């Protein structure tokens, strides 16, 4: 993801099944105010370039990452479940929240 021709973030995207993909957005801390813009640009890219057979996007966020969960909520993603004790922190394992959004929801 570029801001004024400077790379400030990236979105790792990979297909999981024949109709679902997972994405992982990363942005440099000093550009975190651009995070929502980066995710929306990724969604626009997905709608315009990815095959329509991919009907679902998922993201998995550790439950301790409150800012990322709030960003997913702003992006209109739906909580679909918890992968319990699957992320290791300094204080021990915590769960990861799985969120999803469909192609149809992105185009409404």
Protein backbone atom coordinates (compact mmCIF):
# COMPACT_ATOMS: atom_id res chain seq x y z
CA UNK A 1 0.00 0.00 0.00
CA UNK A 2 1.47 3.34 -1.08
CA UNK A 3 1.03 6.81 0.40
CA UNK A 4 2.77 9.54 -1.60
CA UNK A 5 4.83 6.86 -3.40
CA UNK A 6 6.08 5.42 -0.07
CA UNK A 7 5.31 1.83 0.88
CA UNK A 8 3.54 2.01 4.25
CA UNK A 9 1.66 -1.29 4.36
CA UNK A 10 0.68 -4.48 2.63
CA UNK A 11 -2.18 -6.93 2.47
CA UNK A 12 -1.30 -10.61 2.35
CA UNK A 13 -4.04 -12.43 0.42
CA UNK A 14 -4.41 -16.16 -0.11
CA UNK A 15 -7.15 -18.44 -1.33
CA UNK A 16 -8.32 -20.96 1.28
CA UNK A 17 -10.96 -22.95 -0.62
CA UNK A 18 -12.61 -22.78 -4.03
CA UNK A 19 -14.79 -19.88 -2.85
CA UNK A 20 -13.12 -18.32 0.21
CA UNK A 21 -9.94 -16.34 0.75
CA UNK A 22 -8.17 -14.95 3.78
CA UNK A 23 -6.39 -11.62 4.04
CA UNK A 24 -3.95 -10.13 6.57
CA UNK A 25 -3.47 -6.35 6.46
CA UNK A 26 -0.27 -4.88 7.90
CA UNK A 27 0.62 -1.20 8.15
CA UNK A 28 3.60 0.62 9.63
CA UNK A 29 2.76 2.05 13.04
CA UNK A 30 3.43 5.65 12.03
CA UNK A 31 0.80 5.34 9.27
CA UNK A 32 -1.91 3.60 11.30
CA UNK A 33 -4.31 6.47 10.56
CA UNK A 34 -4.28 5.17 6.93
CA UNK A 35 -5.28 1.62 7.94
CA UNK A 36 -8.99 1.94 7.09
CA UNK A 37 -8.14 3.49 3.72
CA UNK A 38 -5.78 0.61 2.95
CA UNK A 39 -8.44 -2.00 3.78
CA UNK A 40 -11.05 -0.20 1.66
CA UNK A 41 -8.62 -0.01 -1.26
CA UNK A 42 -7.96 -3.73 -0.86
CA UNK A 43 -11.73 -4.42 -0.94
CA UNK A 44 -12.04 -2.33 -4.12
CA UNK A 45 -9.16 -4.28 -5.69
CA UNK A 46 -10.78 -7.56 -4.66
CA UNK A 47 -14.13 -6.65 -6.22
CA UNK A 48 -12.58 -5.36 -9.44
CA UNK A 49 -9.86 -7.96 -10.10
CA UNK A 50 -10.48 -11.20 -8.24
CA UNK A 51 -12.56 -13.92 -9.87
CA UNK A 52 -16.19 -13.81 -8.83
CA UNK A 53 -15.95 -17.46 -7.75
CA UNK A 54 -14.23 -16.15 -4.59
CA UNK A 55 -17.34 -15.10 -2.69
CA UNK A 56 -15.99 -14.65 0.84
CA UNK A 57 -13.12 -12.91 2.61
CA UNK A 58 -11.99 -13.87 6.13
CA UNK A 59 -9.59 -12.28 8.56
CA UNK A 60 -8.41 -13.71 11.91
CA UNK A 61 -7.48 -11.22 14.65
CA UNK A 62 -6.09 -11.99 18.12
CA UNK A 63 -8.64 -10.91 20.72
CA UNK A 64 -6.05 -8.67 22.41
CA UNK A 65 -5.76 -6.52 19.26
CA UNK A 66 -8.64 -4.18 20.07
CA UNK A 67 -7.74 -1.59 17.42
CA UNK A 68 -7.72 -4.20 14.65
CA UNK A 69 -11.07 -5.57 15.84
CA UNK A 70 -12.53 -2.05 15.82
CA UNK A 71 -11.18 -1.55 12.28
CA UNK A 72 -12.82 -4.81 11.17
CA UNK A 73 -16.08 -3.59 12.66
CA UNK A 74 -15.77 -0.29 10.77
CA UNK A 75 -15.21 -2.35 7.61
CA UNK A 76 -18.59 -4.05 8.27
CA UNK A 77 -17.08 -7.47 8.87
CA UNK A 78 -19.14 -10.03 10.79
CA UNK A 79 -17.78 -12.01 13.75
CA UNK A 80 -18.03 -15.67 12.81
CA UNK A 81 -16.36 -17.38 15.75
CA UNK A 82 -13.42 -17.71 18.11
CA UNK A 83 -10.40 -19.95 17.64
CA UNK A 84 -9.71 -20.43 21.35
CA UNK A 85 -6.16 -20.40 22.79
CA UNK A 86 -4.55 -20.18 19.35
CA UNK A 87 -2.39 -17.04 19.70
CA UNK A 88 0.55 -16.83 22.09
CA UNK A 89 1.09 -13.59 24.03
CA UNK A 90 3.50 -12.66 26.82
CA UNK A 91 0.71 -13.58 29.26
CA UNK A 92 -0.04 -16.92 27.62
CA UNK A 93 -2.44 -18.10 24.93
CA UNK A 94 -5.49 -16.11 23.89
CA UNK A 95 -8.16 -16.62 21.30
CA UNK A 96 -8.35 -15.30 17.77
CA UNK A 97 -11.58 -13.83 16.43
CA UNK A 98 -12.56 -14.93 12.93
CA UNK A 99 -14.44 -12.33 10.92
CA UNK A 100 -15.84 -12.47 7.43
CA UNK A 101 -17.46 -10.43 4.70
CA UNK A 102 -19.07 -11.66 1.50
CA UNK A 103 -18.64 -10.28 -1.99
CA UNK A 104 -22.33 -9.36 -1.93
CA UNK A 105 -21.90 -7.38 1.31
CA UNK A 106 -18.96 -5.50 -0.21
CA UNK A 107 -21.03 -4.42 -3.19
CA UNK A 108 -24.19 -3.37 -1.30
